[in-house]
Amino acid sequence: MELPEDNQLPMLQDRLHDARVKLRIAYEQRDALVARADAPGGRKDAIDSALLIELAAAERSVREAEADMIDAQNAVSLAIEAVTRKP
């Protein structure tokens, strides 16, 4: 990964914030689907196939959001390191 310029730090911090928001939303959506699957009155051994597909998609969204956040965190860390290393 290439070291970012000094003036990119605010943009990278915004990117990190956006990644955190995206991750929070992905977790909330996944958790809502899990709650639907665990709803009282439903059979635990027979979850609707459409719900399983939605849960799989939600898990993929969570993994993608986690990867985006890690990438954004690394970019901010590199930018801060670049700024603090300058003579």
PDB file of N, CA and C in Angstrom:
ATOM      1  N   MET A   1       0.855  -1.179   0.000  1.00  0.00           N
ATOM      2  CA  MET A   1       0.000   0.000   0.000  1.00  0.00           C
ATOM      3  C   MET A   1       0.895   1.233   0.000  1.00  0.00           C
ATOM      4  N   GLU A   2       0.547   2.153  -0.799  1.00  0.00           N
ATOM      5  CA  GLU A   2       1.309   3.394  -0.936  1.00  0.00           C
ATOM      6  C   GLU A   2       0.981   4.347   0.205  1.00  0.00           C
ATOM      7  N   LEU A   3       1.997   5.064   0.685  1.00  0.00           N
ATOM      8  CA  LEU A   3       1.753   6.033   1.745  1.00  0.00           C
ATOM      9  C   LEU A   3       0.928   7.203   1.210  1.00  0.00           C
ATOM     10  N   PRO A   4      -0.128   7.580   1.920  1.00  0.00           N
ATOM     11  CA  PRO A   4      -0.973   8.693   1.482  1.00  0.00           C
ATOM     12  C   PRO A   4      -0.319  10.045   1.754  1.00  0.00           C
ATOM     13  N   GLU A   5      -0.819  11.043   1.081  1.00  0.00           N
ATOM     14  CA  GLU A   5      -0.360  12.419   1.292  1.00  0.00           C
ATOM     15  C   GLU A   5      -0.955  12.964   2.585  1.00  0.00           C
ATOM     16  N   ASP A   6      -0.310  14.020   3.133  1.00  0.00           N
ATOM     17  CA  ASP A   6      -0.794  14.653   4.369  1.00  0.00           C
ATOM     18  C   ASP A   6      -2.247  15.100   4.257  1.00  0.00           C
ATOM     19  N   ASN A   7      -2.578  15.709   3.150  1.00  0.00           N
ATOM     20  CA  ASN A   7      -3.913  16.293   3.009  1.00  0.00           C
ATOM     21  C   ASN A   7      -5.003  15.243   2.796  1.00  0.00           C
ATOM     22  N   GLN A   8      -4.633  13.974   2.727  1.00  0.00           N
ATOM     23  CA  GLN A   8      -5.618  12.913   2.560  1.00  0.00           C
ATOM     24  C   GLN A   8      -6.180  12.418   3.891  1.00  0.00           C
ATOM     25  N   LEU A   9      -5.562  12.783   4.997  1.00  0.00           N
ATOM     26  CA  LEU A   9      -5.990  12.266   6.290  1.00  0.00           C
ATOM     27  C   LEU A   9      -7.468  12.542   6.588  1.00  0.00           C
ATOM     28  N   PRO A  10      -7.973  13.761   6.398  1.00  0.00           N
ATOM     29  CA  PRO A  10      -9.403  13.976   6.665  1.00  0.00           C
ATOM     30  C   PRO A  10     -10.304  13.095   5.783  1.00  0.00           C
ATOM     31  N   MET A  11      -9.930  12.936   4.527  1.00  0.00           N
ATOM     32  CA  MET A  11     -10.711  12.085   3.629  1.00  0.00           C
ATOM     33  C   MET A  11     -10.670  10.635   4.103  1.00  0.00           C
ATOM     34  N   LEU A  12      -9.519  10.181   4.545  1.00  0.00           N
ATOM     35  CA  LEU A  12      -9.379   8.814   5.021  1.00  0.00           C
ATOM     36  C   LEU A  12     -10.143   8.595   6.321  1.00  0.00           C
ATOM     37  N   GLN A  13     -10.175   9.614   7.174  1.00  0.00           N
ATOM     38  CA  GLN A  13     -10.964   9.507   8.406  1.00  0.00           C
ATOM     39  C   GLN A  13     -12.459   9.443   8.091  1.00  0.00           C
ATOM     40  N   ASP A  14     -12.892  10.200   7.089  1.00  0.00           N
ATOM     41  CA  ASP A  14     -14.286  10.118   6.648  1.00  0.00           C
ATOM     42  C   ASP A  14     -14.595   8.723   6.110  1.00  0.00           C
ATOM     43  N   ARG A  15     -13.650   8.187   5.357  1.00  0.00           N
ATOM     44  CA  ARG A  15     -13.820   6.835   4.816  1.00  0.00           C
ATOM     45  C   ARG A  15     -13.951   5.816   5.952  1.00  0.00           C
ATOM     46  N   LEU A  16     -13.142   5.972   6.987  1.00  0.00           N
ATOM     47  CA  LEU A  16     -13.220   5.070   8.138  1.00  0.00           C
ATOM     48  C   LEU A  16     -14.570   5.209   8.831  1.00  0.00           C
ATOM     49  N   HIS A  17     -15.022   6.422   9.009  1.00  0.00           N
ATOM     50  CA  HIS A  17     -16.336   6.645   9.619  1.00  0.00           C
ATOM     51  C   HIS A  17     -17.430   5.962   8.796  1.00  0.00           C
ATOM     52  N   ASP A  18     -17.393   6.159   7.486  1.00  0.00           N
ATOM     53  CA  ASP A  18     -18.391   5.545   6.608  1.00  0.00           C
ATOM     54  C   ASP A  18     -18.347   4.019   6.691  1.00  0.00           C
ATOM     55  N   ALA A  19     -17.141   3.463   6.777  1.00  0.00           N
ATOM     56  CA  ALA A  19     -16.990   2.013   6.885  1.00  0.00           C
ATOM     57  C   ALA A  19     -17.589   1.504   8.196  1.00  0.00           C
ATOM     58  N   ARG A  20     -17.391   2.265   9.281  1.00  0.00           N
ATOM     59  CA  ARG A  20     -17.966   1.866  10.567  1.00  0.00           C
ATOM     60  C   ARG A  20     -19.488   1.900  10.530  1.00  0.00           C
ATOM     61  N   VAL A  21     -20.038   2.920   9.885  1.00  0.00           N
ATOM     62  CA  VAL A  21     -21.499   3.018   9.753  1.00  0.00           C
ATOM     63  C   VAL A  21     -22.023   1.844   8.923  1.00  0.00           C
ATOM     64  N   LYS A  22     -21.355   1.563   7.829  1.00  0.00           N
ATOM     65  CA  LYS A  22     -21.754   0.443   6.962  1.00  0.00           C
ATOM     66  C   LYS A  22     -21.718  -0.876   7.742  1.00  0.00           C
ATOM     67  N   LEU A  23     -20.700  -1.056   8.560  1.00  0.00           N
ATOM     68  CA  LEU A  23     -20.585  -2.279   9.353  1.00  0.00           C
ATOM     69  C   LEU A  23     -21.706  -2.367  10.387  1.00  0.00           C
ATOM     70  N   ARG A  24     -21.992  -1.251  11.049  1.00  0.00           N
ATOM     71  CA  ARG A  24     -23.074  -1.251  12.047  1.00  0.00           C
ATOM     72  C   ARG A  24     -24.405  -1.617  11.396  1.00  0.00           C
ATOM     73  N   ILE A  25     -24.671  -1.061  10.228  1.00  0.00           N
ATOM     74  CA  ILE A  25     -25.916  -1.355   9.523  1.00  0.00           C
ATOM     75  C   ILE A  25     -25.960  -2.822   9.105  1.00  0.00           C
ATOM     76  N   ALA A  26     -24.848  -3.346   8.632  1.00  0.00           N
ATOM     77  CA  ALA A  26     -24.789  -4.758   8.230  1.00  0.00           C
ATOM     78  C   ALA A  26     -25.059  -5.667   9.423  1.00  0.00           C
ATOM     79  N   TYR A  27     -24.465  -5.332  10.592  1.00  0.00           N
ATOM     80  CA  TYR A  27     -24.724  -6.118  11.799  1.00  0.00           C
ATOM     81  C   TYR A  27     -26.201  -6.058  12.189  1.00  0.00           C
ATOM     82  N   GLU A  28     -26.778  -4.867  12.139  1.00  0.00           N
ATOM     83  CA  GLU A  28     -28.186  -4.710  12.513  1.00  0.00           C
ATOM     84  C   GLU A  28     -29.095  -5.515  11.595  1.00  0.00           C
ATOM     85  N   GLN A  29     -28.822  -5.473  10.287  1.00  0.00           N
ATOM     86  CA  GLN A  29     -29.642  -6.229   9.341  1.00  0.00           C
ATOM     87  C   GLN A  29     -29.509  -7.727   9.582  1.00  0.00           C
ATOM     88  N   ARG A  30     -28.273  -8.176   9.803  1.00  0.00           N
ATOM     89  CA  ARG A  30     -28.063  -9.595  10.072  1.00  0.00           C
ATOM     90  C   ARG A  30     -28.764 -10.014  11.359  1.00  0.00           C
ATOM     91  N   ASP A  31     -28.614  -9.203  12.403  1.00  0.00           N
ATOM     92  CA  ASP A  31     -29.216  -9.540  13.686  1.00  0.00           C
ATOM     93  C   ASP A  31     -30.742  -9.582  13.600  1.00  0.00           C
ATOM     94  N   ALA A  32     -31.329  -8.707  12.797  1.00  0.00           N
ATOM     95  CA  ALA A  32     -32.780  -8.720  12.611  1.00  0.00           C
ATOM     96  C   ALA A  32     -33.225 -10.022  11.940  1.00  0.00           C
ATOM     97  N   LEU A  33     -32.446 -10.489  10.981  1.00  0.00           N
ATOM     98  CA  LEU A  33     -32.780 -11.750  10.309  1.00  0.00           C
ATOM     99  C   LEU A  33     -32.624 -12.935  11.261  1.00  0.00           C
ATOM    100  N   VAL A  34     -31.598 -12.897  12.095  1.00  0.00           N
ATOM    101  CA  VAL A  34     -31.405 -13.962  13.082  1.00  0.00           C
ATOM    102  C   VAL A  34     -32.575 -13.973  14.056  1.00  0.00           C
ATOM    103  N   ALA A  35     -33.026 -12.805  14.462  1.00  0.00           N
ATOM    104  CA  ALA A  35     -34.179 -12.718  15.367  1.00  0.00           C
ATOM    105  C   ALA A  35     -35.427 -13.297  14.708  1.00  0.00           C
ATOM    106  N   ARG A  36     -35.594 -13.028  13.414  1.00  0.00           N
ATOM    107  CA  ARG A  36     -36.734 -13.621  12.687  1.00  0.00           C
ATOM    108  C   ARG A  36     -36.643 -15.135  12.673  1.00  0.00           C
ATOM    109  N   ALA A  37     -35.446 -15.659  12.487  1.00  0.00           N
ATOM    110  CA  ALA A  37     -35.254 -17.108  12.446  1.00  0.00           C
ATOM    111  C   ALA A  37     -35.508 -17.735  13.811  1.00  0.00           C
ATOM    112  N   ASP A  38     -35.203 -16.986  14.881  1.00  0.00           N
ATOM    113  CA  ASP A  38     -35.381 -17.490  16.248  1.00  0.00           C
ATOM    114  C   ASP A  38     -36.728 -17.123  16.851  1.00  0.00           C
ATOM    115  N   ALA A  39     -37.613 -16.555  16.044  1.00  0.00           N
ATOM    116  CA  ALA A  39     -38.900 -16.075  16.560  1.00  0.00           C
ATOM    117  C   ALA A  39     -39.681 -17.215  17.218  1.00  0.00           C
ATOM    118  N   PRO A  40     -40.342 -16.902  18.356  1.00  0.00           N
ATOM    119  CA  PRO A  40     -41.162 -17.925  19.023  1.00  0.00           C
ATOM    120  C   PRO A  40     -42.280 -18.394  18.105  1.00  0.00           C
ATOM    121  N   GLY A  41     -42.620 -19.652  18.247  1.00  0.00           N
ATOM    122  CA  GLY A  41     -43.710 -20.198  17.445  1.00  0.00           C
ATOM    123  C   GLY A  41     -43.226 -20.854  16.169  1.00  0.00           C
ATOM    124  N   GLY A  42     -42.035 -20.529  15.751  1.00  0.00           N
ATOM    125  CA  GLY A  42     -41.491 -21.149  14.549  1.00  0.00           C
ATOM    126  C   GLY A  42     -40.786 -22.448  14.894  1.00  0.00           C
ATOM    127  N   ARG A  43     -40.750 -23.347  13.957  1.00  0.00           N
ATOM    128  CA  ARG A  43     -40.048 -24.611  14.178  1.00  0.00           C
ATOM    129  C   ARG A  43     -38.555 -24.373  14.028  1.00  0.00           C
ATOM    130  N   LYS A  44     -37.792 -24.811  14.990  1.00  0.00           N
ATOM    131  CA  LYS A  44     -36.344 -24.593  14.965  1.00  0.00           C
ATOM    132  C   LYS A  44     -35.656 -25.468  13.917  1.00  0.00           C
ATOM    133  N   ASP A  45     -36.290 -26.569  13.538  1.00  0.00           N
ATOM    134  CA  ASP A  45     -35.660 -27.481  12.584  1.00  0.00           C
ATOM    135  C   ASP A  45     -36.009 -27.161  11.135  1.00  0.00           C
ATOM    136  N   ALA A  46     -36.893 -26.207  10.926  1.00  0.00           N
ATOM    137  CA  ALA A  46     -37.311 -25.881   9.562  1.00  0.00           C
ATOM    138  C   ALA A  46     -37.350 -24.369   9.369  1.00  0.00           C
ATOM    139  N   ILE A  47     -36.240 -23.818   8.903  1.00  0.00           N
ATOM    140  CA  ILE A  47     -36.185 -22.389   8.611  1.00  0.00           C
ATOM    141  C   ILE A  47     -36.480 -22.221   7.126  1.00  0.00           C
ATOM    142  N   ASP A  48     -37.282 -21.257   6.811  1.00  0.00           N
ATOM    143  CA  ASP A  48     -37.653 -20.957   5.433  1.00  0.00           C
ATOM    144  C   ASP A  48     -36.399 -20.782   4.572  1.00  0.00           C
ATOM    145  N   SER A  49     -36.393 -21.402   3.408  1.00  0.00           N
ATOM    146  CA  SER A  49     -35.217 -21.316   2.530  1.00  0.00           C
ATOM    147  C   SER A  49     -34.940 -19.876   2.092  1.00  0.00           C
ATOM    148  N   ALA A  50     -35.978 -19.078   1.923  1.00  0.00           N
ATOM    149  CA  ALA A  50     -35.775 -17.670   1.546  1.00  0.00           C
ATOM    150  C   ALA A  50     -35.054 -16.930   2.675  1.00  0.00           C
ATOM    151  N   LEU A  51     -35.393 -17.267   3.921  1.00  0.00           N
ATOM    152  CA  LEU A  51     -34.732 -16.642   5.061  1.00  0.00           C
ATOM    153  C   LEU A  51     -33.262 -17.072   5.130  1.00  0.00           C
ATOM    154  N   LEU A  52     -32.991 -18.327   4.812  1.00  0.00           N
ATOM    155  CA  LEU A  52     -31.604 -18.794   4.784  1.00  0.00           C
ATOM    156  C   LEU A  52     -30.792 -18.046   3.727  1.00  0.00           C
ATOM    157  N   ILE A  53     -31.391 -17.807   2.592  1.00  0.00           N
ATOM    158  CA  ILE A  53     -30.712 -17.049   1.531  1.00  0.00           C
ATOM    159  C   ILE A  53     -30.448 -15.621   2.001  1.00  0.00           C
ATOM    160  N   GLU A  54     -31.426 -15.014   2.659  1.00  0.00           N
ATOM    161  CA  GLU A  54     -31.243 -13.659   3.194  1.00  0.00           C
ATOM    162  C   GLU A  54     -30.151 -13.624   4.259  1.00  0.00           C
ATOM    163  N   LEU A  55     -30.117 -14.651   5.124  1.00  0.00           N
ATOM    164  CA  LEU A  55     -29.085 -14.720   6.155  1.00  0.00           C
ATOM    165  C   LEU A  55     -27.696 -14.860   5.540  1.00  0.00           C
ATOM    166  N   ALA A  56     -27.575 -15.676   4.504  1.00  0.00           N
ATOM    167  CA  ALA A  56     -26.283 -15.846   3.829  1.00  0.00           C
ATOM    168  C   ALA A  56     -25.832 -14.524   3.217  1.00  0.00           C
ATOM    169  N   ALA A  57     -26.753 -13.812   2.586  1.00  0.00           N
ATOM    170  CA  ALA A  57     -26.421 -12.515   1.990  1.00  0.00           C
ATOM    171  C   ALA A  57     -26.026 -11.511   3.075  1.00  0.00           C
ATOM    172  N   ALA A  58     -26.715 -11.545   4.204  1.00  0.00           N
ATOM    173  CA  ALA A  58     -26.399 -10.638   5.307  1.00  0.00           C
ATOM    174  C   ALA A  58     -25.010 -10.942   5.865  1.00  0.00           C
ATOM    175  N   GLU A  59     -24.661 -12.212   5.978  1.00  0.00           N
ATOM    176  CA  GLU A  59     -23.324 -12.585   6.454  1.00  0.00           C
ATOM    177  C   GLU A  59     -22.250 -12.102   5.485  1.00  0.00           C
ATOM    178  N   ARG A  60     -22.516 -12.220   4.187  1.00  0.00           N
ATOM    179  CA  ARG A  60     -21.560 -11.712   3.184  1.00  0.00           C
ATOM    180  C   ARG A  60     -21.401 -10.201   3.335  1.00  0.00           C
ATOM    181  N   SER A  61     -22.494  -9.509   3.556  1.00  0.00           N
ATOM    182  CA  SER A  61     -22.431  -8.054   3.745  1.00  0.00           C
ATOM    183  C   SER A  61     -21.603  -7.689   4.969  1.00  0.00           C
ATOM    184  N   VAL A  62     -21.761  -8.454   6.038  1.00  0.00           N
ATOM    185  CA  VAL A  62     -20.980  -8.202   7.251  1.00  0.00           C
ATOM    186  C   VAL A  62     -19.498  -8.408   6.959  1.00  0.00           C
ATOM    187  N   ARG A  63     -19.159  -9.514   6.296  1.00  0.00           N
ATOM    188  CA  ARG A  63     -17.739  -9.778   5.988  1.00  0.00           C
ATOM    189  C   ARG A  63     -17.151  -8.695   5.089  1.00  0.00           C
ATOM    190  N   GLU A  64     -17.911  -8.253   4.093  1.00  0.00           N
ATOM    191  CA  GLU A  64     -17.431  -7.187   3.209  1.00  0.00           C
ATOM    192  C   GLU A  64     -17.244  -5.881   3.978  1.00  0.00           C
ATOM    193  N   ALA A  65     -18.194  -5.567   4.852  1.00  0.00           N
ATOM    194  CA  ALA A  65     -18.100  -4.336   5.646  1.00  0.00           C
ATOM    195  C   ALA A  65     -16.918  -4.407   6.608  1.00  0.00           C
ATOM    196  N   GLU A  66     -16.668  -5.593   7.184  1.00  0.00           N
ATOM    197  CA  GLU A  66     -15.509  -5.746   8.067  1.00  0.00           C
ATOM    198  C   GLU A  66     -14.207  -5.534   7.292  1.00  0.00           C
ATOM    199  N   ALA A  67     -14.137  -6.085   6.091  1.00  0.00           N
ATOM    200  CA  ALA A  67     -12.935  -5.925   5.265  1.00  0.00           C
ATOM    201  C   ALA A  67     -12.733  -4.462   4.884  1.00  0.00           C
ATOM    202  N   ASP A  68     -13.817  -3.776   4.532  1.00  0.00           N
ATOM    203  CA  ASP A  68     -13.727  -2.351   4.202  1.00  0.00           C
ATOM    204  C   ASP A  68     -13.235  -1.540   5.397  1.00  0.00           C
ATOM    205  N   MET A  69     -13.731  -1.877   6.585  1.00  0.00           N
ATOM    206  CA  MET A  69     -13.327  -1.132   7.762  1.00  0.00           C
ATOM    207  C   MET A  69     -11.850  -1.377   8.079  1.00  0.00           C
ATOM    208  N   ILE A  70     -11.409  -2.603   7.968  1.00  0.00           N
ATOM    209  CA  ILE A  70      -9.996  -2.903   8.224  1.00  0.00           C
ATOM    210  C   ILE A  70      -9.112  -2.162   7.224  1.00  0.00           C
ATOM    211  N   ASP A  71      -9.522  -2.150   5.967  1.00  0.00           N
ATOM    212  CA  ASP A  71      -8.754  -1.427   4.950  1.00  0.00           C
ATOM    213  C   ASP A  71      -8.705   0.065   5.265  1.00  0.00           C
ATOM    214  N   ALA A  72      -9.834   0.625   5.679  1.00  0.00           N
ATOM    215  CA  ALA A  72      -9.887   2.050   6.029  1.00  0.00           C
ATOM    216  C   ALA A  72      -9.025   2.340   7.259  1.00  0.00           C
ATOM    217  N   GLN A  73      -9.053   1.448   8.257  1.00  0.00           N
ATOM    218  CA  GLN A  73      -8.217   1.630   9.446  1.00  0.00           C
ATOM    219  C   GLN A  73      -6.735   1.619   9.071  1.00  0.00           C
ATOM    220  N   ASN A  74      -6.366   0.698   8.198  1.00  0.00           N
ATOM    221  CA  ASN A  74      -4.970   0.622   7.766  1.00  0.00           C
ATOM    222  C   ASN A  74      -4.556   1.878   7.010  1.00  0.00           C
ATOM    223  N   ALA A  75      -5.438   2.404   6.173  1.00  0.00           N
ATOM    224  CA  ALA A  75      -5.125   3.618   5.417  1.00  0.00           C
ATOM    225  C   ALA A  75      -4.922   4.810   6.358  1.00  0.00           C
ATOM    226  N   VAL A  76      -5.774   4.922   7.368  1.00  0.00           N
ATOM    227  CA  VAL A  76      -5.627   6.016   8.344  1.00  0.00           C
ATOM    228  C   VAL A  76      -4.318   5.845   9.111  1.00  0.00           C
ATOM    229  N   SER A  77      -4.016   4.632   9.509  1.00  0.00           N
ATOM    230  CA  SER A  77      -2.760   4.381  10.238  1.00  0.00           C
ATOM    231  C   SER A  77      -1.547   4.766   9.407  1.00  0.00           C
ATOM    232  N   LEU A  78      -1.563   4.408   8.127  1.00  0.00           N
ATOM    233  CA  LEU A  78      -0.455   4.773   7.249  1.00  0.00           C
ATOM    234  C   LEU A  78      -0.343   6.284   7.095  1.00  0.00           C
ATOM    235  N   ALA A  79      -1.471   6.951   6.988  1.00  0.00           N
ATOM    236  CA  ALA A  79      -1.465   8.408   6.827  1.00  0.00           C
ATOM    237  C   ALA A  79      -0.904   9.076   8.079  1.00  0.00           C
ATOM    238  N   ILE A  80      -1.318   8.595   9.232  1.00  0.00           N
ATOM    239  CA  ILE A  80      -0.812   9.167  10.486  1.00  0.00           C
ATOM    240  C   ILE A  80       0.688   8.908  10.601  1.00  0.00           C
ATOM    241  N   GLU A  81       1.098   7.709  10.251  1.00  0.00           N
ATOM    242  CA  GLU A  81       2.527   7.374  10.297  1.00  0.00           C
ATOM    243  C   GLU A  81       3.321   8.267   9.357  1.00  0.00           C
ATOM    244  N   ALA A  82       2.804   8.512   8.173  1.00  0.00           N
ATOM    245  CA  ALA A  82       3.489   9.356   7.206  1.00  0.00           C
ATOM    246  C   ALA A  82       3.638  10.780   7.734  1.00  0.00           C
ATOM    247  N   VAL A  83       2.594  11.278   8.383  1.00  0.00           N
ATOM    248  CA  VAL A  83       2.628  12.638   8.926  1.00  0.00           C
ATOM    249  C   VAL A  83       3.624  12.736  10.081  1.00  0.00           C
ATOM    250  N   THR A  84       3.641  11.740  10.942  1.00  0.00           N
ATOM    251  CA  THR A  84       4.523  11.804  12.115  1.00  0.00           C
ATOM    252  C   THR A  84       5.989  11.529  11.772  1.00  0.00           C
ATOM    253  N   ARG A  85       6.252  10.914  10.647  1.00  0.00           N
ATOM    254  CA  ARG A  85       7.636  10.631  10.237  1.00  0.00           C
ATOM    255  C   ARG A  85       8.316  11.799   9.532  1.00  0.00           C
ATOM    256  N   LYS A  86       7.547  12.742   9.060  1.00  0.00           N
ATOM    257  CA  LYS A  86       8.141  13.851   8.315  1.00  0.00           C
ATOM    258  C   LYS A  86       9.067  14.663   9.201  1.00  0.00           C
ATOM    259  N   PRO A  87      10.233  15.045   8.650  1.00  0.00           N
ATOM    260  CA  PRO A  87      11.196  15.831   9.440  1.00  0.00           C
ATOM    261  C   PRO A  87      10.738  17.255   9.682  1.00  0.00           C
TER     262      PRO A  87
END
